[in-house]
Amino acid sequence: MQPETPEEFYARVRTAAGPDGRLAVAVEEMPGWDIFPFEIESLRMKPLQPLADAEPPRSGEDPAECSCSRGPDPAALQREVWSNERWVLHLDTSSRLPIGLNLGPREHCDLPTVPEHLAGEMGTLIVAVSAAVEGLPSVGRVQLAKYGDGGAHLHLFFFGRPARMLQLRGSPLLDWEENLPSVPLEVHRANAEAVADHLLSAVGGTGPAWLRS
């Protein structure tokens, strides 16, 4: 038996849709969870779009055109929470969660192409960053994500779910996050400095850029 093709997968999904091309809301799945942020009665799926001819190219598919090859960006430098010769951890100052971070290698690669000399250290850093985020008083749990559709350079995202706000558990966290009030920069930085302290103790490296400038 051969793996399913994109056309076969799409045809099966399209067959399950109604005459208007919309799938039914699966009320027994995520929308039925007590953590789902929207009222089911007013919710409906967008119509399915046709299958694309091909996957679109991402930013940085050519390493020479990736931002990692252009040298340090002054704005990004001021968001550096922690770094060493191979990895950089940035603070997402637009996040409306207690903390949002992204970890990426200095060397150009994506998750399926992480070279062996980085793979082991990546695992160590994931553990260390996760422990540091969950150590923050305002964080209940850490969530880890990797999105591959925007850029071809690997970034791992860490989201601090607010402590004791149980409606924000699980995969709806980012749906809630977009509607939360903004977090003051000084709060983000204080949380990030605590994360950096943990990493400096656990794995060494260099601390926040804003404390070095």
N, C-alpha and C. Protein backbone atom coordinates (compact mmCIF):
# COMPACT_ATOMS: atom_id res chain seq x y z
N MET A 1 0.85 -1.19 0.00
CA MET A 1 0.00 0.00 0.00
C MET A 1 0.88 1.24 0.00
N GLN A 2 0.57 2.20 -0.87
CA GLN A 2 1.36 3.41 -1.01
C GLN A 2 0.82 4.54 -0.13
N PRO A 3 1.70 5.45 0.31
CA PRO A 3 1.21 6.61 1.08
C PRO A 3 0.21 7.42 0.25
N GLU A 4 -0.71 8.04 0.95
CA GLU A 4 -1.76 8.82 0.30
C GLU A 4 -1.19 10.06 -0.38
N THR A 5 -1.71 10.39 -1.56
CA THR A 5 -1.28 11.59 -2.29
C THR A 5 -2.04 12.81 -1.78
N PRO A 6 -1.56 14.04 -2.06
CA PRO A 6 -2.33 15.23 -1.70
C PRO A 6 -3.72 15.25 -2.31
N GLU A 7 -3.83 14.79 -3.56
CA GLU A 7 -5.14 14.77 -4.22
C GLU A 7 -6.11 13.82 -3.52
N GLU A 8 -5.61 12.67 -3.09
CA GLU A 8 -6.47 11.70 -2.41
C GLU A 8 -6.92 12.23 -1.05
N PHE A 9 -5.99 12.85 -0.32
CA PHE A 9 -6.36 13.43 0.97
C PHE A 9 -7.40 14.52 0.79
N TYR A 10 -7.16 15.44 -0.16
CA TYR A 10 -8.08 16.55 -0.37
C TYR A 10 -9.45 16.04 -0.81
N ALA A 11 -9.49 15.06 -1.69
CA ALA A 11 -10.77 14.53 -2.17
C ALA A 11 -11.58 13.94 -1.03
N ARG A 12 -10.92 13.26 -0.13
CA ARG A 12 -11.63 12.69 1.02
C ARG A 12 -12.20 13.78 1.91
N VAL A 13 -11.41 14.85 2.13
CA VAL A 13 -11.89 15.96 2.95
C VAL A 13 -13.03 16.69 2.25
N ARG A 14 -12.89 16.91 0.95
CA ARG A 14 -13.93 17.64 0.20
C ARG A 14 -15.24 16.87 0.18
N THR A 15 -15.16 15.56 0.14
CA THR A 15 -16.37 14.73 0.16
C THR A 15 -17.12 14.88 1.48
N ALA A 16 -16.39 15.14 2.56
CA ALA A 16 -17.01 15.29 3.87
C ALA A 16 -17.65 16.66 4.04
N ALA A 17 -17.33 17.62 3.16
CA ALA A 17 -17.88 18.97 3.26
C ALA A 17 -19.29 19.02 2.67
N GLY A 18 -20.03 20.06 3.07
CA GLY A 18 -21.38 20.24 2.54
C GLY A 18 -21.35 20.83 1.15
N PRO A 19 -22.56 21.11 0.58
CA PRO A 19 -22.64 21.67 -0.77
C PRO A 19 -21.94 23.02 -0.91
N ASP A 20 -21.83 23.77 0.20
CA ASP A 20 -21.17 25.07 0.14
C ASP A 20 -19.66 24.98 0.39
N GLY A 21 -19.15 23.75 0.46
CA GLY A 21 -17.72 23.56 0.65
C GLY A 21 -17.25 23.71 2.08
N ARG A 22 -18.18 23.79 3.03
CA ARG A 22 -17.80 23.97 4.44
C ARG A 22 -17.88 22.64 5.19
N LEU A 23 -16.88 22.40 6.01
CA LEU A 23 -16.92 21.26 6.92
C LEU A 23 -17.77 21.61 8.13
N ALA A 24 -18.43 20.62 8.70
CA ALA A 24 -19.19 20.85 9.93
C ALA A 24 -18.23 21.07 11.09
N VAL A 25 -18.63 21.92 12.02
CA VAL A 25 -17.83 22.13 13.24
C VAL A 25 -17.92 20.87 14.09
N ALA A 26 -16.77 20.33 14.45
CA ALA A 26 -16.72 19.06 15.18
C ALA A 26 -16.96 19.35 16.67
N VAL A 27 -18.23 19.44 17.05
CA VAL A 27 -18.56 19.89 18.42
C VAL A 27 -18.13 18.89 19.48
N GLU A 28 -17.85 17.64 19.07
CA GLU A 28 -17.37 16.67 20.06
C GLU A 28 -15.86 16.71 20.20
N GLU A 29 -15.19 17.50 19.36
CA GLU A 29 -13.74 17.63 19.44
C GLU A 29 -13.39 18.94 20.13
N MET A 30 -12.40 19.68 19.63
CA MET A 30 -11.92 20.87 20.32
C MET A 30 -13.02 21.88 20.67
N PRO A 31 -13.96 22.20 19.76
CA PRO A 31 -15.00 23.18 20.14
C PRO A 31 -15.86 22.74 21.33
N GLY A 32 -15.85 21.46 21.62
CA GLY A 32 -16.61 20.99 22.76
C GLY A 32 -15.84 21.02 24.07
N TRP A 33 -14.54 21.35 24.01
CA TRP A 33 -13.74 21.40 25.23
C TRP A 33 -14.11 22.63 26.05
N ASP A 34 -13.95 22.53 27.35
CA ASP A 34 -14.25 23.69 28.20
C ASP A 34 -13.20 24.79 28.05
N ILE A 35 -12.07 24.49 27.41
CA ILE A 35 -11.04 25.50 27.19
C ILE A 35 -11.19 26.20 25.84
N PHE A 36 -12.16 25.79 25.01
CA PHE A 36 -12.33 26.41 23.70
C PHE A 36 -12.85 27.84 23.90
N PRO A 37 -12.21 28.85 23.26
CA PRO A 37 -12.52 30.24 23.61
C PRO A 37 -13.74 30.86 22.92
N PHE A 38 -14.39 30.15 21.99
CA PHE A 38 -15.48 30.75 21.24
C PHE A 38 -16.79 29.99 21.46
N GLU A 39 -17.90 30.69 21.31
CA GLU A 39 -19.22 30.05 21.45
C GLU A 39 -19.54 29.27 20.18
N ILE A 40 -19.92 28.02 20.36
CA ILE A 40 -20.10 27.12 19.23
C ILE A 40 -21.24 27.57 18.32
N GLU A 41 -22.30 28.14 18.90
CA GLU A 41 -23.50 28.46 18.12
C GLU A 41 -23.22 29.45 16.99
N SER A 42 -22.25 30.34 17.18
CA SER A 42 -21.96 31.36 16.18
C SER A 42 -20.75 31.02 15.32
N LEU A 43 -20.27 29.79 15.42
CA LEU A 43 -19.05 29.40 14.75
C LEU A 43 -19.36 28.60 13.50
N ARG A 44 -18.64 28.90 12.40
CA ARG A 44 -18.72 28.05 11.22
C ARG A 44 -17.38 28.06 10.50
N MET A 45 -17.11 26.99 9.80
CA MET A 45 -15.85 26.85 9.09
C MET A 45 -15.88 27.64 7.79
N LYS A 46 -14.72 28.14 7.36
CA LYS A 46 -14.62 28.76 6.04
C LYS A 46 -14.74 27.68 4.97
N PRO A 47 -15.24 28.05 3.77
CA PRO A 47 -15.28 27.06 2.68
C PRO A 47 -13.87 26.57 2.34
N LEU A 48 -13.76 25.30 1.96
CA LEU A 48 -12.48 24.76 1.54
C LEU A 48 -12.03 25.42 0.25
N GLN A 49 -10.77 25.79 0.17
CA GLN A 49 -10.20 26.32 -1.05
C GLN A 49 -9.69 25.16 -1.91
N PRO A 50 -9.56 25.39 -3.22
CA PRO A 50 -9.02 24.32 -4.07
C PRO A 50 -7.60 23.95 -3.65
N LEU A 51 -7.20 22.75 -3.99
CA LEU A 51 -5.85 22.29 -3.72
C LEU A 51 -4.86 23.14 -4.52
N ALA A 52 -3.81 23.64 -3.89
CA ALA A 52 -2.81 24.44 -4.59
C ALA A 52 -2.00 23.56 -5.54
N ASP A 53 -1.43 24.18 -6.56
CA ASP A 53 -0.63 23.42 -7.53
C ASP A 53 0.64 22.89 -6.89
N ALA A 54 1.19 23.63 -5.92
CA ALA A 54 2.43 23.22 -5.26
C ALA A 54 2.57 23.99 -3.96
N GLU A 55 3.44 23.52 -3.09
CA GLU A 55 3.77 24.26 -1.88
C GLU A 55 4.55 25.52 -2.26
N PRO A 56 4.18 26.69 -1.72
CA PRO A 56 4.91 27.91 -2.08
C PRO A 56 6.29 27.94 -1.44
N PRO A 57 7.26 28.61 -2.08
CA PRO A 57 8.58 28.76 -1.45
C PRO A 57 8.48 29.62 -0.21
N ARG A 58 9.32 29.33 0.76
CA ARG A 58 9.34 30.10 2.00
C ARG A 58 10.49 31.10 1.98
N SER A 59 10.41 32.06 2.84
CA SER A 59 11.51 33.01 3.01
C SER A 59 12.75 32.26 3.48
N GLY A 60 13.87 32.48 2.81
CA GLY A 60 15.12 31.86 3.23
C GLY A 60 15.34 30.46 2.71
N GLU A 61 14.58 30.00 1.72
CA GLU A 61 14.85 28.68 1.14
C GLU A 61 16.28 28.62 0.61
N ASP A 62 16.72 29.72 0.00
CA ASP A 62 18.12 29.85 -0.40
C ASP A 62 18.89 30.42 0.78
N PRO A 63 19.83 29.67 1.35
CA PRO A 63 20.55 30.17 2.53
C PRO A 63 21.16 31.55 2.33
N ALA A 64 21.56 31.87 1.10
CA ALA A 64 22.17 33.18 0.85
C ALA A 64 21.17 34.32 1.02
N GLU A 65 19.87 34.00 0.95
CA GLU A 65 18.83 35.02 1.08
C GLU A 65 18.16 35.02 2.45
N CYS A 66 18.59 34.10 3.32
CA CYS A 66 18.01 34.00 4.66
C CYS A 66 18.55 35.13 5.53
N SER A 67 17.74 35.57 6.47
CA SER A 67 18.15 36.65 7.37
C SER A 67 19.39 36.29 8.17
N CYS A 68 19.64 34.98 8.37
CA CYS A 68 20.81 34.56 9.15
C CYS A 68 22.12 34.89 8.44
N SER A 69 22.07 35.13 7.12
CA SER A 69 23.28 35.42 6.36
C SER A 69 23.54 36.92 6.22
N ARG A 70 22.63 37.75 6.73
CA ARG A 70 22.76 39.19 6.55
C ARG A 70 23.49 39.89 7.69
N GLY A 71 23.87 39.15 8.69
CA GLY A 71 24.54 39.77 9.83
C GLY A 71 23.54 40.21 10.88
N PRO A 72 24.01 40.68 12.02
CA PRO A 72 23.12 41.04 13.14
C PRO A 72 22.16 42.18 12.79
N ASP A 73 20.92 42.01 13.18
CA ASP A 73 19.91 43.05 13.03
C ASP A 73 19.84 43.80 14.37
N PRO A 74 20.07 45.12 14.37
CA PRO A 74 20.10 45.86 15.66
C PRO A 74 18.84 45.66 16.50
N ALA A 75 17.67 45.62 15.84
CA ALA A 75 16.42 45.43 16.60
C ALA A 75 16.38 44.05 17.24
N ALA A 76 16.81 43.03 16.47
CA ALA A 76 16.81 41.67 17.00
C ALA A 76 17.84 41.52 18.12
N LEU A 77 18.96 42.22 17.99
CA LEU A 77 19.98 42.16 19.03
C LEU A 77 19.43 42.60 20.38
N GLN A 78 18.56 43.60 20.37
CA GLN A 78 17.99 44.09 21.62
C GLN A 78 16.94 43.16 22.21
N ARG A 79 16.59 42.12 21.46
CA ARG A 79 15.63 41.12 21.98
C ARG A 79 16.33 39.82 22.38
N GLU A 80 17.67 39.79 22.30
CA GLU A 80 18.41 38.59 22.68
C GLU A 80 18.34 38.36 24.18
N VAL A 81 17.78 37.23 24.56
CA VAL A 81 17.69 36.85 25.97
C VAL A 81 18.95 36.08 26.39
N TRP A 82 19.40 35.22 25.49
CA TRP A 82 20.55 34.35 25.77
C TRP A 82 21.16 33.93 24.43
N SER A 83 22.46 33.65 24.43
CA SER A 83 23.10 33.19 23.20
C SER A 83 24.39 32.47 23.53
N ASN A 84 24.84 31.66 22.56
CA ASN A 84 26.21 31.14 22.58
C ASN A 84 26.71 31.13 21.13
N GLU A 85 27.77 30.43 20.83
CA GLU A 85 28.34 30.47 19.48
C GLU A 85 27.43 29.84 18.45
N ARG A 86 26.47 29.01 18.87
CA ARG A 86 25.67 28.23 17.92
C ARG A 86 24.18 28.56 17.96
N TRP A 87 23.67 29.12 19.03
CA TRP A 87 22.23 29.31 19.21
C TRP A 87 21.92 30.71 19.75
N VAL A 88 20.71 31.20 19.44
CA VAL A 88 20.24 32.48 19.96
C VAL A 88 18.80 32.32 20.42
N LEU A 89 18.50 32.83 21.61
CA LEU A 89 17.14 32.83 22.15
C LEU A 89 16.64 34.26 22.18
N HIS A 90 15.53 34.52 21.47
CA HIS A 90 14.97 35.87 21.39
C HIS A 90 13.68 35.98 22.19
N LEU A 91 13.43 37.18 22.70
CA LEU A 91 12.18 37.51 23.39
C LEU A 91 11.19 38.06 22.38
N ASP A 92 9.96 37.57 22.42
CA ASP A 92 8.89 38.12 21.59
C ASP A 92 8.19 39.22 22.40
N THR A 93 8.56 40.46 22.14
CA THR A 93 8.01 41.57 22.93
C THR A 93 6.57 41.91 22.55
N SER A 94 6.05 41.29 21.48
CA SER A 94 4.65 41.52 21.10
C SER A 94 3.71 40.50 21.75
N SER A 95 4.27 39.48 22.40
CA SER A 95 3.44 38.45 23.01
C SER A 95 2.60 39.03 24.14
N ARG A 96 1.37 38.54 24.25
CA ARG A 96 0.49 38.96 25.33
C ARG A 96 0.41 37.92 26.44
N LEU A 97 1.33 36.96 26.37
CA LEU A 97 1.49 35.97 27.43
C LEU A 97 2.58 36.46 28.39
N PRO A 98 2.72 35.82 29.56
CA PRO A 98 3.79 36.23 30.47
C PRO A 98 5.15 36.25 29.79
N ILE A 99 5.36 35.29 28.88
CA ILE A 99 6.60 35.28 28.11
C ILE A 99 6.40 34.47 26.83
N GLY A 100 7.04 34.94 25.77
CA GLY A 100 7.11 34.22 24.51
C GLY A 100 8.54 34.30 24.01
N LEU A 101 9.13 33.16 23.66
CA LEU A 101 10.53 33.10 23.26
C LEU A 101 10.66 32.30 21.98
N ASN A 102 11.71 32.58 21.20
CA ASN A 102 12.01 31.69 20.08
C ASN A 102 13.51 31.41 20.04
N LEU A 103 13.82 30.15 19.83
CA LEU A 103 15.19 29.64 19.83
C LEU A 103 15.56 29.21 18.42
N GLY A 104 16.70 29.69 17.93
CA GLY A 104 17.12 29.31 16.59
C GLY A 104 18.63 29.14 16.50
N PRO A 105 19.10 28.30 15.59
CA PRO A 105 20.54 28.13 15.40
C PRO A 105 21.11 29.27 14.57
N ARG A 106 22.36 29.60 14.79
CA ARG A 106 23.02 30.60 13.94
C ARG A 106 23.27 30.03 12.55
N GLU A 107 23.54 28.75 12.49
CA GLU A 107 23.77 28.07 11.21
C GLU A 107 22.43 27.84 10.51
N HIS A 108 22.39 28.01 9.19
CA HIS A 108 21.14 27.86 8.46
C HIS A 108 20.75 26.38 8.37
N CYS A 109 19.57 26.06 8.89
CA CYS A 109 19.00 24.72 8.75
C CYS A 109 17.55 24.78 9.16
N ASP A 110 16.79 23.76 8.80
CA ASP A 110 15.42 23.60 9.26
C ASP A 110 15.38 22.34 10.12
N LEU A 111 14.25 22.05 10.74
CA LEU A 111 14.19 20.92 11.67
C LEU A 111 14.58 19.59 11.02
N PRO A 112 14.09 19.30 9.79
CA PRO A 112 14.50 18.01 9.20
C PRO A 112 15.97 17.96 8.78
N THR A 113 16.65 19.11 8.79
CA THR A 113 18.04 19.13 8.33
C THR A 113 19.01 19.61 9.42
N VAL A 114 18.59 19.57 10.68
CA VAL A 114 19.50 19.95 11.76
C VAL A 114 20.71 19.02 11.74
N PRO A 115 21.93 19.57 11.62
CA PRO A 115 23.11 18.69 11.58
C PRO A 115 23.37 18.03 12.92
N GLU A 116 24.07 16.93 12.87
CA GLU A 116 24.30 16.13 14.07
C GLU A 116 24.98 16.93 15.17
N HIS A 117 25.89 17.83 14.80
CA HIS A 117 26.64 18.56 15.82
C HIS A 117 25.76 19.59 16.55
N LEU A 118 24.54 19.86 16.04
CA LEU A 118 23.62 20.76 16.73
C LEU A 118 22.46 20.02 17.40
N ALA A 119 22.16 18.83 16.92
CA ALA A 119 20.94 18.14 17.37
C ALA A 119 20.96 17.84 18.87
N GLY A 120 22.07 17.35 19.38
CA GLY A 120 22.12 17.03 20.80
C GLY A 120 22.00 18.26 21.68
N GLU A 121 22.69 19.33 21.29
CA GLU A 121 22.61 20.56 22.05
C GLU A 121 21.21 21.15 22.01
N MET A 122 20.52 20.99 20.87
CA MET A 122 19.15 21.47 20.75
C MET A 122 18.26 20.82 21.81
N GLY A 123 18.41 19.53 21.99
CA GLY A 123 17.62 18.85 23.02
C GLY A 123 17.92 19.38 24.41
N THR A 124 19.19 19.59 24.70
CA THR A 124 19.57 20.14 26.01
C THR A 124 18.97 21.52 26.22
N LEU A 125 18.98 22.35 25.17
CA LEU A 125 18.44 23.70 25.30
C LEU A 125 16.92 23.70 25.45
N ILE A 126 16.24 22.81 24.74
CA ILE A 126 14.78 22.72 24.88
C ILE A 126 14.41 22.41 26.33
N VAL A 127 15.13 21.47 26.92
CA VAL A 127 14.87 21.12 28.33
C VAL A 127 15.15 22.31 29.24
N ALA A 128 16.28 22.98 29.02
CA ALA A 128 16.67 24.09 29.90
C ALA A 128 15.72 25.28 29.77
N VAL A 129 15.35 25.64 28.54
CA VAL A 129 14.42 26.77 28.35
C VAL A 129 13.06 26.43 28.94
N SER A 130 12.59 25.21 28.72
CA SER A 130 11.28 24.80 29.25
C SER A 130 11.26 24.87 30.77
N ALA A 131 12.32 24.39 31.40
CA ALA A 131 12.39 24.44 32.87
C ALA A 131 12.42 25.88 33.36
N ALA A 132 13.14 26.73 32.64
CA ALA A 132 13.24 28.14 33.05
C ALA A 132 11.90 28.84 32.93
N VAL A 133 11.17 28.59 31.85
CA VAL A 133 9.86 29.24 31.66
C VAL A 133 8.88 28.76 32.71
N GLU A 134 8.86 27.46 32.98
CA GLU A 134 7.93 26.95 33.99
C GLU A 134 8.33 27.38 35.40
N GLY A 135 9.54 27.89 35.57
CA GLY A 135 9.96 28.39 36.87
C GLY A 135 9.48 29.80 37.16
N LEU A 136 8.90 30.47 36.17
CA LEU A 136 8.40 31.84 36.38
C LEU A 136 7.12 31.81 37.22
N PRO A 137 6.96 32.69 38.20
CA PRO A 137 5.77 32.67 39.06
C PRO A 137 4.46 32.82 38.30
N SER A 138 4.46 33.57 37.19
CA SER A 138 3.22 33.83 36.47
C SER A 138 2.91 32.79 35.41
N VAL A 139 3.73 31.75 35.30
CA VAL A 139 3.55 30.72 34.27
C VAL A 139 3.11 29.41 34.92
N GLY A 140 2.04 28.82 34.35
CA GLY A 140 1.59 27.52 34.83
C GLY A 140 2.27 26.38 34.09
N ARG A 141 2.33 26.49 32.75
CA ARG A 141 2.95 25.47 31.92
C ARG A 141 3.62 26.15 30.73
N VAL A 142 4.59 25.44 30.14
CA VAL A 142 5.21 25.92 28.91
C VAL A 142 4.68 25.09 27.75
N GLN A 143 4.45 25.74 26.62
CA GLN A 143 4.09 25.05 25.39
C GLN A 143 5.20 25.29 24.38
N LEU A 144 5.50 24.27 23.59
CA LEU A 144 6.56 24.31 22.59
C LEU A 144 5.95 24.09 21.21
N ALA A 145 6.38 24.92 20.23
CA ALA A 145 5.83 24.79 18.87
C ALA A 145 6.93 25.01 17.84
N LYS A 146 6.71 24.42 16.67
CA LYS A 146 7.57 24.66 15.52
C LYS A 146 6.66 24.84 14.31
N TYR A 147 6.76 26.00 13.66
CA TYR A 147 5.95 26.28 12.47
C TYR A 147 6.89 26.35 11.28
N GLY A 148 6.57 25.63 10.21
CA GLY A 148 7.49 25.57 9.08
C GLY A 148 7.01 26.26 7.84
N ASP A 149 5.91 27.01 7.88
CA ASP A 149 5.33 27.56 6.66
C ASP A 149 5.84 28.96 6.31
N GLY A 150 6.32 29.72 7.29
CA GLY A 150 6.71 31.10 7.00
C GLY A 150 8.15 31.23 6.53
N GLY A 151 9.08 30.62 7.25
CA GLY A 151 10.49 30.74 6.92
C GLY A 151 11.17 29.39 6.93
N ALA A 152 12.28 29.31 6.19
CA ALA A 152 13.01 28.04 6.08
C ALA A 152 14.09 27.88 7.14
N HIS A 153 14.29 28.90 7.97
CA HIS A 153 15.28 28.81 9.05
C HIS A 153 14.58 28.33 10.32
N LEU A 154 15.15 27.36 10.98
CA LEU A 154 14.53 26.75 12.16
C LEU A 154 14.34 27.76 13.28
N HIS A 155 13.12 27.81 13.81
CA HIS A 155 12.83 28.53 15.05
C HIS A 155 11.90 27.66 15.89
N LEU A 156 12.23 27.48 17.14
CA LEU A 156 11.39 26.78 18.09
C LEU A 156 10.77 27.82 19.01
N PHE A 157 9.46 27.75 19.20
CA PHE A 157 8.74 28.76 19.97
C PHE A 157 8.31 28.20 21.32
N PHE A 158 8.54 29.00 22.35
CA PHE A 158 8.16 28.64 23.72
C PHE A 158 7.12 29.66 24.21
N PHE A 159 5.98 29.15 24.66
CA PHE A 159 4.89 30.02 25.14
C PHE A 159 4.63 29.70 26.61
N GLY A 160 4.62 30.74 27.44
CA GLY A 160 4.32 30.56 28.86
C GLY A 160 2.83 30.73 29.10
N ARG A 161 2.14 29.63 29.40
CA ARG A 161 0.69 29.73 29.68
C ARG A 161 0.49 30.33 31.07
N PRO A 162 -0.33 31.38 31.19
CA PRO A 162 -0.50 32.04 32.49
C PRO A 162 -0.94 31.06 33.58
N ALA A 163 -0.34 31.19 34.72
CA ALA A 163 -0.64 30.30 35.84
C ALA A 163 -2.09 30.46 36.29
N ARG A 164 -2.72 29.32 36.54
CA ARG A 164 -4.06 29.22 37.14
C ARG A 164 -5.17 29.76 36.24
N MET A 165 -4.86 30.15 35.01
CA MET A 165 -5.91 30.52 34.03
C MET A 165 -6.19 29.28 33.19
N LEU A 166 -7.05 28.41 33.73
CA LEU A 166 -7.20 27.08 33.15
C LEU A 166 -7.94 27.08 31.82
N GLN A 167 -8.67 28.16 31.51
CA GLN A 167 -9.28 28.25 30.19
C GLN A 167 -8.24 28.36 29.08
N LEU A 168 -7.03 28.74 29.43
CA LEU A 168 -5.98 28.95 28.43
C LEU A 168 -5.12 27.71 28.22
N ARG A 169 -5.54 26.57 28.80
CA ARG A 169 -4.77 25.35 28.63
C ARG A 169 -4.81 24.84 27.19
N GLY A 170 -3.76 24.11 26.82
CA GLY A 170 -3.78 23.36 25.57
C GLY A 170 -3.65 24.21 24.31
N SER A 171 -4.07 23.62 23.20
CA SER A 171 -3.87 24.24 21.89
C SER A 171 -4.63 25.53 21.66
N PRO A 172 -5.74 25.86 22.37
CA PRO A 172 -6.37 27.16 22.16
C PRO A 172 -5.61 28.34 22.77
N LEU A 173 -4.43 28.09 23.38
CA LEU A 173 -3.71 29.16 24.07
C LEU A 173 -3.50 30.38 23.17
N LEU A 174 -3.07 30.18 21.94
CA LEU A 174 -2.77 31.32 21.08
C LEU A 174 -4.03 32.02 20.58
N ASP A 175 -5.16 31.32 20.55
CA ASP A 175 -6.42 32.00 20.23
C ASP A 175 -6.79 32.98 21.35
N TRP A 176 -6.58 32.54 22.57
CA TRP A 176 -6.81 33.44 23.71
C TRP A 176 -5.79 34.58 23.71
N GLU A 177 -4.54 34.24 23.43
CA GLU A 177 -3.44 35.21 23.54
C GLU A 177 -3.69 36.46 22.70
N GLU A 178 -4.24 36.30 21.51
CA GLU A 178 -4.47 37.44 20.62
C GLU A 178 -5.45 38.45 21.22
N ASN A 179 -6.24 38.03 22.17
CA ASN A 179 -7.28 38.89 22.74
C ASN A 179 -6.95 39.38 24.15
N LEU A 180 -5.79 39.01 24.66
CA LEU A 180 -5.38 39.47 25.98
C LEU A 180 -4.80 40.88 25.90
N PRO A 181 -4.76 41.61 26.99
CA PRO A 181 -4.13 42.94 26.97
C PRO A 181 -2.62 42.82 26.80
N SER A 182 -2.01 43.89 26.31
CA SER A 182 -0.56 43.90 26.11
C SER A 182 0.18 43.78 27.44
N VAL A 183 1.39 43.22 27.35
CA VAL A 183 2.25 43.07 28.53
C VAL A 183 3.31 44.17 28.47
N PRO A 184 3.51 44.94 29.54
CA PRO A 184 4.54 45.98 29.54
C PRO A 184 5.93 45.40 29.26
N LEU A 185 6.74 46.15 28.54
CA LEU A 185 8.08 45.69 28.18
C LEU A 185 8.90 45.33 29.41
N GLU A 186 8.77 46.12 30.48
CA GLU A 186 9.58 45.83 31.67
C GLU A 186 9.19 44.49 32.30
N VAL A 187 7.93 44.08 32.16
CA VAL A 187 7.50 42.78 32.68
C VAL A 187 8.09 41.67 31.83
N HIS A 188 8.00 41.82 30.50
CA HIS A 188 8.62 40.84 29.61
C HIS A 188 10.11 40.68 29.92
N ARG A 189 10.79 41.80 30.08
CA ARG A 189 12.23 41.74 30.31
C ARG A 189 12.57 41.12 31.66
N ALA A 190 11.80 41.42 32.68
CA ALA A 190 12.06 40.83 33.99
C ALA A 190 11.90 39.31 33.92
N ASN A 191 10.86 38.84 33.24
CA ASN A 191 10.67 37.40 33.08
C ASN A 191 11.80 36.79 32.26
N ALA A 192 12.20 37.49 31.19
CA ALA A 192 13.27 36.98 30.33
C ALA A 192 14.60 36.92 31.07
N GLU A 193 14.85 37.88 31.94
CA GLU A 193 16.10 37.88 32.71
C GLU A 193 16.14 36.68 33.66
N ALA A 194 15.00 36.30 34.21
CA ALA A 194 14.96 35.11 35.07
C ALA A 194 15.24 33.85 34.25
N VAL A 195 14.70 33.79 33.02
CA VAL A 195 15.01 32.67 32.13
C VAL A 195 16.50 32.63 31.83
N ALA A 196 17.07 33.79 31.51
CA ALA A 196 18.50 33.86 31.19
C ALA A 196 19.35 33.39 32.37
N ASP A 197 18.99 33.79 33.57
CA ASP A 197 19.74 33.36 34.76
C ASP A 197 19.78 31.84 34.85
N HIS A 198 18.64 31.21 34.60
CA HIS A 198 18.58 29.75 34.65
C HIS A 198 19.49 29.14 33.59
N LEU A 199 19.43 29.68 32.36
CA LEU A 199 20.24 29.13 31.27
C LEU A 199 21.73 29.33 31.52
N LEU A 200 22.10 30.49 32.02
CA LEU A 200 23.52 30.75 32.30
C LEU A 200 24.05 29.75 33.32
N SER A 201 23.21 29.41 34.29
CA SER A 201 23.61 28.44 35.30
C SER A 201 23.65 27.02 34.73
N ALA A 202 22.68 26.70 33.85
CA ALA A 202 22.55 25.33 33.35
C ALA A 202 23.49 25.02 32.20
N VAL A 203 23.67 25.98 31.27
CA VAL A 203 24.42 25.67 30.04
C VAL A 203 25.48 26.71 29.69
N GLY A 204 25.64 27.76 30.49
CA GLY A 204 26.61 28.80 30.17
C GLY A 204 26.06 29.76 29.13
N GLY A 205 26.94 30.41 28.37
CA GLY A 205 26.50 31.34 27.34
C GLY A 205 26.53 32.78 27.81
N THR A 206 25.79 33.62 27.09
CA THR A 206 25.75 35.06 27.33
C THR A 206 24.32 35.51 27.61
N GLY A 207 24.14 36.42 28.53
CA GLY A 207 22.82 36.87 28.96
C GLY A 207 22.22 37.94 28.10
N PRO A 208 21.15 38.61 28.58
CA PRO A 208 20.35 39.54 27.79
C PRO A 208 21.16 40.69 27.20
N ALA A 209 20.87 40.99 25.94
CA ALA A 209 21.58 42.07 25.23
C ALA A 209 21.31 43.42 25.87
N TRP A 210 20.06 43.64 26.36
CA TRP A 210 19.73 44.96 26.90
C TRP A 210 20.47 45.27 28.20
N LEU A 211 21.01 44.23 28.84
CA LEU A 211 21.81 44.44 30.04
C LEU A 211 23.29 44.67 29.70
N ARG A 212 23.65 44.39 28.43
CA ARG A 212 25.05 44.55 28.00
C ARG A 212 25.27 45.86 27.28
N SER A 213 24.18 46.53 26.88
CA SER A 213 24.33 47.75 26.08
C SER A 213 24.43 48.98 26.97
